Amino acid sequence: MEQREYIQRVLEAYLATPGTAGVARRADRLFADRLYERGVSLETVGNALTLAAARRLARPADAPPLGIIRSLAYFSPVIEEVLQLKVGPGYFQHLRNKLLRASTAR
């Protein structure tokens, strides 16, 4: 996949992630470029976005609200975590289904 397409797809996934500001900035493009240069797969990035969004969703109802995510770099630690995880794709599909159900319930 070409670099330009990779960056575009990462940014699209980021913007579609619940809790994000819905705006991609130059810093986000640069971060996506670094992911491309490192060879981080789109699947890994997507799984990290899903995992982080699911964790934010799973907070206790009485917890203070979280702020809006304003940077793709926010997901950097989760991307690193996903790179080390030894779980199958079914786990992330389960999380995606939970997010989908939560978004349709709102």
Protein backbone atom coordinates (compact mmCIF):
# COMPACT_ATOMS: atom_id res chain seq x y z
CA MET A 1 0.00 0.00 0.00
CA GLU A 2 1.27 3.44 -0.83
CA GLN A 3 2.13 5.86 1.94
CA ARG A 4 -0.54 8.37 0.97
CA GLU A 5 -3.33 5.77 1.04
CA TYR A 6 -2.09 4.38 4.37
CA ILE A 7 -2.12 7.82 5.98
CA GLN A 8 -5.60 8.54 4.60
CA ARG A 9 -6.97 5.26 5.92
CA VAL A 10 -5.42 5.76 9.36
CA LEU A 11 -6.90 9.25 9.57
CA GLU A 12 -10.32 8.01 8.45
CA ALA A 13 -10.25 5.32 11.14
CA TYR A 14 -9.16 7.87 13.74
CA LEU A 15 -11.94 10.29 12.79
CA ALA A 16 -14.53 7.49 12.94
CA THR A 17 -13.45 6.46 16.44
CA PRO A 18 -15.91 7.38 19.18
CA GLY A 19 -14.63 10.11 21.47
CA THR A 20 -12.45 11.89 18.92
CA ALA A 21 -12.84 15.53 17.95
CA GLY A 22 -13.60 14.70 14.33
CA VAL A 23 -10.74 16.79 12.99
CA ALA A 24 -7.40 15.60 11.65
CA ARG A 25 -4.56 18.04 12.12
CA ARG A 26 -1.09 18.20 10.61
CA ALA A 27 0.35 16.51 13.70
CA ASP A 28 -2.04 13.60 13.15
CA ARG A 29 -0.82 13.22 9.57
CA LEU A 30 2.77 13.26 10.76
CA PHE A 31 2.00 10.64 13.39
CA ALA A 32 0.31 8.44 10.77
CA ASP A 33 3.37 8.89 8.57
CA ARG A 34 5.61 7.66 11.41
CA LEU A 35 3.38 4.61 11.82
CA TYR A 36 3.76 3.91 8.10
CA GLU A 37 7.54 4.29 8.29
CA ARG A 38 7.63 1.84 11.22
CA GLY A 39 5.56 -0.66 9.27
CA VAL A 40 2.64 -0.71 11.71
CA SER A 41 -0.22 -2.45 9.94
CA LEU A 42 -3.60 -0.82 9.41
CA GLU A 43 -5.10 -3.75 11.29
CA THR A 44 -2.96 -2.97 14.34
CA VAL A 45 -3.92 0.70 14.26
CA GLY A 46 -7.59 -0.14 13.87
CA ASN A 47 -7.43 -2.66 16.71
CA ALA A 48 -5.78 -0.09 18.96
CA LEU A 49 -8.44 2.52 18.18
CA THR A 50 -11.13 -0.06 18.93
CA LEU A 51 -9.52 -1.15 22.19
CA ALA A 52 -9.09 2.40 23.46
CA ALA A 53 -12.66 3.37 22.53
CA ALA A 54 -14.03 0.24 24.24
CA ARG A 55 -12.08 1.02 27.39
CA ARG A 56 -13.45 4.53 27.47
CA LEU A 57 -16.96 3.14 27.03
CA ALA A 58 -16.52 0.62 29.85
CA ARG A 59 -15.94 3.23 32.53
CA PRO A 60 -18.27 3.28 35.52
CA ALA A 61 -21.43 5.32 34.99
CA ASP A 62 -20.62 7.55 37.96
CA ALA A 63 -17.09 8.36 36.77
CA PRO A 64 -16.45 11.92 35.64
CA PRO A 65 -16.79 12.38 31.88
CA LEU A 66 -13.67 12.08 29.78
CA GLY A 67 -12.52 14.85 27.50
CA ILE A 68 -12.57 14.65 23.74
CA ILE A 69 -9.56 13.01 22.11
CA ARG A 70 -7.87 15.70 20.04
CA SER A 71 -4.82 13.86 18.74
CA LEU A 72 -4.06 10.58 17.03
CA ALA A 73 -0.95 10.41 19.24
CA TYR A 74 -3.30 9.79 22.21
CA PHE A 75 -3.49 6.21 20.92
CA SER A 76 0.27 5.68 20.81
CA PRO A 77 0.49 3.63 24.03
CA VAL A 78 -2.45 1.47 22.96
CA ILE A 79 -0.87 0.87 19.55
CA GLU A 80 2.28 -0.32 21.32
CA GLU A 81 0.17 -2.53 23.58
CA VAL A 82 -1.66 -4.09 20.63
CA LEU A 83 1.66 -4.83 18.96
CA GLN A 84 2.52 -6.98 21.99
CA LEU A 85 -0.88 -8.65 22.51
CA LYS A 86 -1.38 -12.30 21.73
CA VAL A 87 -5.13 -12.35 21.06
CA GLY A 88 -7.01 -13.39 17.97
CA PRO A 89 -8.98 -11.12 15.65
CA GLY A 90 -12.21 -12.37 17.23
CA TYR A 91 -11.45 -10.35 20.36
CA PHE A 92 -11.30 -7.09 18.44
CA GLN A 93 -14.40 -8.00 16.45
CA HIS A 94 -16.20 -8.52 19.76
CA LEU A 95 -15.11 -5.04 20.87
CA ARG A 96 -16.23 -3.53 17.55
CA ASN A 97 -19.64 -5.14 18.00
CA LYS A 98 -19.90 -3.68 21.51
CA LEU A 99 -19.04 -0.23 20.19
CA LEU A 100 -21.59 -0.57 17.41
CA ARG A 101 -24.31 -1.59 19.86
CA ALA A 102 -23.42 1.29 22.16
CA SER A 103 -23.53 3.82 19.34
CA THR A 104 -26.92 2.62 18.11
CA ALA A 105 -28.30 2.70 21.66
CA ARG A 106 -27.58 6.42 21.95
